[in-house]
């Protein structure tokens, strides 16, 4: 006669596996949704940034592309044999950190160059509109990703959610910089906003590189 306790344990394991599969599917769908938006965001920001000569907008566009890459890392993490792998989780954290450091170096150098040369960017109402939309929508996507990442106990997924939240913070900095340039003529607010973008990217990159836990604040 079979042990009822063993059956309950097996049933619990099946339910746990099914719930995890649902969370992994949700993580992939959220990542793909974010990737699609970031590609659109990248195209708009880079086009508007080049037209206006705005390093903050160009930096924001570069961040969008890097965030799309971070989303692909999450998709990679929850595909095939890598699902549930601690070594894959750690590699994903490191890759996300590297993307953030890449962003910080590029934007930081360009912002300092713009300040030193005194380049005055043109007003970009397209960039202001993009920043406003992103500031309103990215916190919602970040919260959804963070809930899934916490449910999966995946530090890399939570850190990628933190990177999405970073996009919201950066859009606010971008909005302030572009707005000050448009309304007050403060050209230097644009590269200063870019330096804020670089600084926050370094902070998030260090956190991911150190492999801080999934329940850490992002």
Protein backbone atom coordinates (compact mmCIF):
# COMPACT_ATOMS: atom_id res chain seq x y z
CA UNK A 1 0.00 0.00 0.00
CA UNK A 2 1.45 3.40 -1.00
CA UNK A 3 2.25 6.04 1.62
CA UNK A 4 -0.27 8.96 1.42
CA UNK A 5 2.45 11.32 2.65
CA UNK A 6 4.61 10.54 -0.36
CA UNK A 7 1.71 11.28 -2.68
CA UNK A 8 1.11 14.65 -1.06
CA UNK A 9 4.78 15.55 -1.40
CA UNK A 10 4.74 14.59 -5.09
CA UNK A 11 1.53 16.59 -5.66
CA UNK A 12 3.08 19.59 -3.95
CA UNK A 13 6.17 19.28 -6.14
CA UNK A 14 4.02 19.14 -9.29
CA UNK A 15 2.06 22.22 -8.23
CA UNK A 16 5.28 24.04 -7.36
CA UNK A 17 6.77 23.14 -10.74
CA UNK A 18 3.62 24.29 -12.55
CA UNK A 19 3.58 27.60 -10.66
CA UNK A 20 7.24 28.19 -11.45
CA UNK A 21 6.64 27.46 -15.13
CA UNK A 22 3.86 30.07 -15.15
CA UNK A 23 6.14 32.62 -13.50
CA UNK A 24 8.94 31.86 -15.97
CA UNK A 25 6.50 32.28 -18.88
CA UNK A 26 5.35 35.60 -17.40
CA UNK A 27 8.96 36.72 -16.97
CA UNK A 28 9.66 35.99 -20.65
CA UNK A 29 6.50 37.80 -21.81
CA UNK A 30 7.30 40.87 -19.69
CA UNK A 31 10.86 40.83 -21.00
CA UNK A 32 9.68 40.63 -24.63
CA UNK A 33 7.18 43.45 -24.03
CA UNK A 34 9.92 45.60 -22.56
CA UNK A 35 12.27 44.77 -25.44
CA UNK A 36 9.68 45.88 -28.00
CA UNK A 37 9.09 49.19 -26.22
CA UNK A 38 12.80 49.87 -25.71
CA UNK A 39 13.50 49.38 -29.41
CA UNK A 40 10.84 51.97 -30.27
CA UNK A 41 12.19 54.22 -27.51
CA UNK A 42 15.73 53.82 -28.85
CA UNK A 43 14.73 54.84 -32.38
CA UNK A 44 12.82 57.93 -31.23
CA UNK A 45 15.44 59.06 -28.71
CA UNK A 46 18.42 58.62 -31.05
CA UNK A 47 16.65 60.37 -33.92
CA UNK A 48 15.51 63.28 -31.75
CA UNK A 49 18.89 63.43 -29.99
CA UNK A 50 20.88 63.67 -33.22
CA UNK A 51 18.48 66.29 -34.60
CA UNK A 52 18.74 68.42 -31.45
CA UNK A 53 22.40 67.69 -30.66
CA UNK A 54 21.31 66.45 -27.21
CA UNK A 55 23.75 64.12 -25.44
CA UNK A 56 21.12 63.43 -22.78
CA UNK A 57 18.65 62.19 -25.41
CA UNK A 58 21.32 60.16 -27.19
CA UNK A 59 22.37 58.69 -23.84
CA UNK A 60 18.75 57.88 -23.08
CA UNK A 61 18.50 56.13 -26.44
CA UNK A 62 21.66 54.15 -25.70
CA UNK A 63 20.18 53.18 -22.34
CA UNK A 64 17.04 51.95 -24.13
CA UNK A 65 19.12 49.68 -26.36
CA UNK A 66 21.06 48.35 -23.37
CA UNK A 67 17.80 47.73 -21.49
CA UNK A 68 16.56 45.74 -24.49
CA UNK A 69 19.76 43.67 -24.23
CA UNK A 70 19.10 43.14 -20.50
CA UNK A 71 15.62 41.91 -21.39
CA UNK A 72 17.14 39.41 -23.83
CA UNK A 73 19.38 38.17 -21.01
CA UNK A 74 16.28 37.41 -18.92
CA UNK A 75 14.70 35.56 -21.86
CA UNK A 76 17.97 33.60 -22.22
CA UNK A 77 17.96 32.81 -18.48
CA UNK A 78 14.51 31.22 -18.58
CA UNK A 79 14.92 29.24 -21.80
CA UNK A 80 15.98 25.61 -22.15
CA UNK A 81 18.39 23.93 -19.74
CA UNK A 82 19.29 27.24 -18.09
CA UNK A 83 15.95 27.36 -16.23
CA UNK A 84 16.67 27.11 -12.51
CA UNK A 85 20.44 27.06 -13.03
CA UNK A 86 22.37 28.97 -10.38
CA UNK A 87 25.40 29.36 -12.65
CA UNK A 88 23.21 30.80 -15.43
CA UNK A 89 21.63 33.15 -12.89
CA UNK A 90 25.05 34.45 -11.89
CA UNK A 91 26.17 34.87 -15.50
CA UNK A 92 22.98 36.81 -16.19
CA UNK A 93 23.72 39.16 -13.27
CA UNK A 94 27.23 39.81 -14.57
CA UNK A 95 26.02 40.41 -18.13
CA UNK A 96 23.42 42.92 -16.91
CA UNK A 97 26.12 44.68 -14.87
CA UNK A 98 28.37 44.91 -17.94
CA UNK A 99 25.59 46.51 -19.99
CA UNK A 100 25.13 49.15 -17.30
CA UNK A 101 28.86 49.91 -17.12
CA UNK A 102 28.94 50.27 -20.91
CA UNK A 103 26.17 52.84 -20.72
CA UNK A 104 27.85 54.78 -17.91
CA UNK A 105 31.19 55.03 -19.72
CA UNK A 106 29.70 56.21 -23.01
CA UNK A 107 27.27 58.73 -21.53
CA UNK A 108 29.76 60.03 -18.97
CA UNK A 109 32.46 60.73 -21.58
CA UNK A 110 30.02 62.43 -23.95
CA UNK A 111 28.49 64.54 -21.17
CA UNK A 112 31.90 65.80 -20.00
CA UNK A 113 32.85 66.53 -23.60
CA UNK A 114 29.64 68.52 -24.12
CA UNK A 115 30.22 70.56 -20.94
CA UNK A 116 33.84 71.26 -21.84
CA UNK A 117 33.06 72.32 -25.41
CA UNK A 118 29.98 74.32 -24.49
CA UNK A 119 27.81 72.68 -27.16
CA UNK A 120 24.28 74.08 -26.95
CA UNK A 121 21.59 71.49 -27.81
CA UNK A 122 18.45 72.53 -29.64
CA UNK A 123 15.03 72.30 -28.02
CA UNK A 124 13.45 68.85 -28.55
CA UNK A 125 9.72 68.65 -27.87
CA UNK A 126 9.73 65.10 -29.22
CA UNK A 127 12.28 64.18 -26.55
CA UNK A 128 10.24 65.90 -23.85
CA UNK A 129 7.13 63.96 -24.91
CA UNK A 130 9.06 60.67 -24.94
CA UNK A 131 10.47 61.33 -21.47
CA UNK A 132 7.01 62.13 -20.10
CA UNK A 133 5.46 58.93 -21.49
CA UNK A 134 8.35 56.78 -20.23
CA UNK A 135 8.25 58.32 -16.74
CA UNK A 136 4.57 57.38 -16.47
CA UNK A 137 4.72 53.82 -17.84
CA UNK A 138 8.06 52.30 -16.82
CA UNK A 139 7.32 52.08 -13.06
CA UNK A 140 4.33 49.84 -13.84
CA UNK A 141 6.42 47.47 -15.97
CA UNK A 142 9.22 47.48 -13.38
CA UNK A 143 6.78 46.57 -10.57
CA UNK A 144 5.39 43.64 -12.59
CA UNK A 145 8.90 42.36 -13.37
CA UNK A 146 9.96 42.70 -9.74
CA UNK A 147 6.99 40.67 -8.50
CA UNK A 148 7.79 37.86 -10.94
CA UNK A 149 11.50 37.96 -10.12
CA UNK A 150 10.81 37.77 -6.39
CA UNK A 151 8.43 34.85 -6.93
CA UNK A 152 11.18 33.05 -8.86
CA UNK A 153 13.87 34.03 -6.32
CA UNK A 154 15.84 35.33 -9.30
CA UNK A 155 18.29 38.11 -8.46
CA UNK A 156 19.02 38.71 -12.15
CA UNK A 157 15.32 39.19 -12.93
CA UNK A 158 14.85 41.59 -10.01
CA UNK A 159 17.95 43.52 -11.06
CA UNK A 160 16.60 43.74 -14.61
CA UNK A 161 13.38 45.10 -13.09
CA UNK A 162 15.56 47.61 -11.28
CA UNK A 163 17.05 48.57 -14.63
CA UNK A 164 13.52 49.19 -15.94
CA UNK A 165 12.85 51.36 -12.88
CA UNK A 166 16.11 53.12 -13.66
CA UNK A 167 14.63 53.97 -17.04
CA UNK A 168 11.83 55.82 -15.24
CA UNK A 169 14.30 57.74 -13.07
CA UNK A 170 16.37 58.61 -16.10
CA UNK A 171 13.33 59.81 -17.99
CA UNK A 172 12.57 62.20 -15.12
CA UNK A 173 16.15 63.50 -15.21
CA UNK A 174 15.88 63.78 -18.99
CA UNK A 175 12.54 65.61 -18.71
CA UNK A 176 14.03 68.11 -16.27
CA UNK A 177 17.13 68.63 -18.41
CA UNK A 178 15.28 69.06 -21.69
CA UNK A 179 12.60 71.17 -20.03
CA UNK A 180 15.13 73.53 -18.47
CA UNK A 181 16.86 73.90 -21.82
CA UNK A 182 13.55 74.53 -23.63
CA UNK A 183 11.96 76.91 -21.13
CA UNK A 184 14.92 78.62 -19.47
CA UNK A 185 17.72 78.26 -22.00
CA UNK A 186 19.89 76.35 -19.55
CA UNK A 187 21.89 74.39 -22.14
CA UNK A 188 24.14 72.87 -19.48
CA UNK A 189 21.16 71.08 -17.90
CA UNK A 190 21.23 68.61 -20.80
CA UNK A 191 24.74 67.20 -20.16
CA UNK A 192 24.12 67.38 -16.41
CA UNK A 193 21.08 65.16 -16.87
CA UNK A 194 23.31 62.81 -18.87
CA UNK A 195 25.78 62.67 -15.95
CA UNK A 196 22.91 61.70 -13.64
CA UNK A 197 22.09 58.88 -16.06
CA UNK A 198 25.71 57.69 -15.97
CA UNK A 199 25.96 57.87 -12.17
CA UNK A 200 22.81 55.86 -11.54
CA UNK A 201 23.88 53.29 -14.12
CA UNK A 202 27.18 52.77 -12.26
CA UNK A 203 25.34 52.27 -8.98
CA UNK A 204 22.98 49.68 -10.45
CA UNK A 205 25.84 47.97 -12.28
CA UNK A 206 27.89 47.57 -9.09
CA UNK A 207 24.88 46.10 -7.30
CA UNK A 208 24.31 43.52 -10.02
CA UNK A 209 28.03 42.70 -10.33
CA UNK A 210 28.22 41.94 -6.61
CA UNK A 211 25.36 39.48 -6.97
CA UNK A 212 23.12 41.03 -4.35
CA UNK A 213 20.04 39.02 -3.48
CA UNK A 214 16.65 39.10 -5.14
CA UNK A 215 15.03 40.80 -2.18
CA UNK A 216 17.44 43.74 -2.22
CA UNK A 217 15.97 47.08 -3.06
CA UNK A 218 16.59 48.04 -6.66
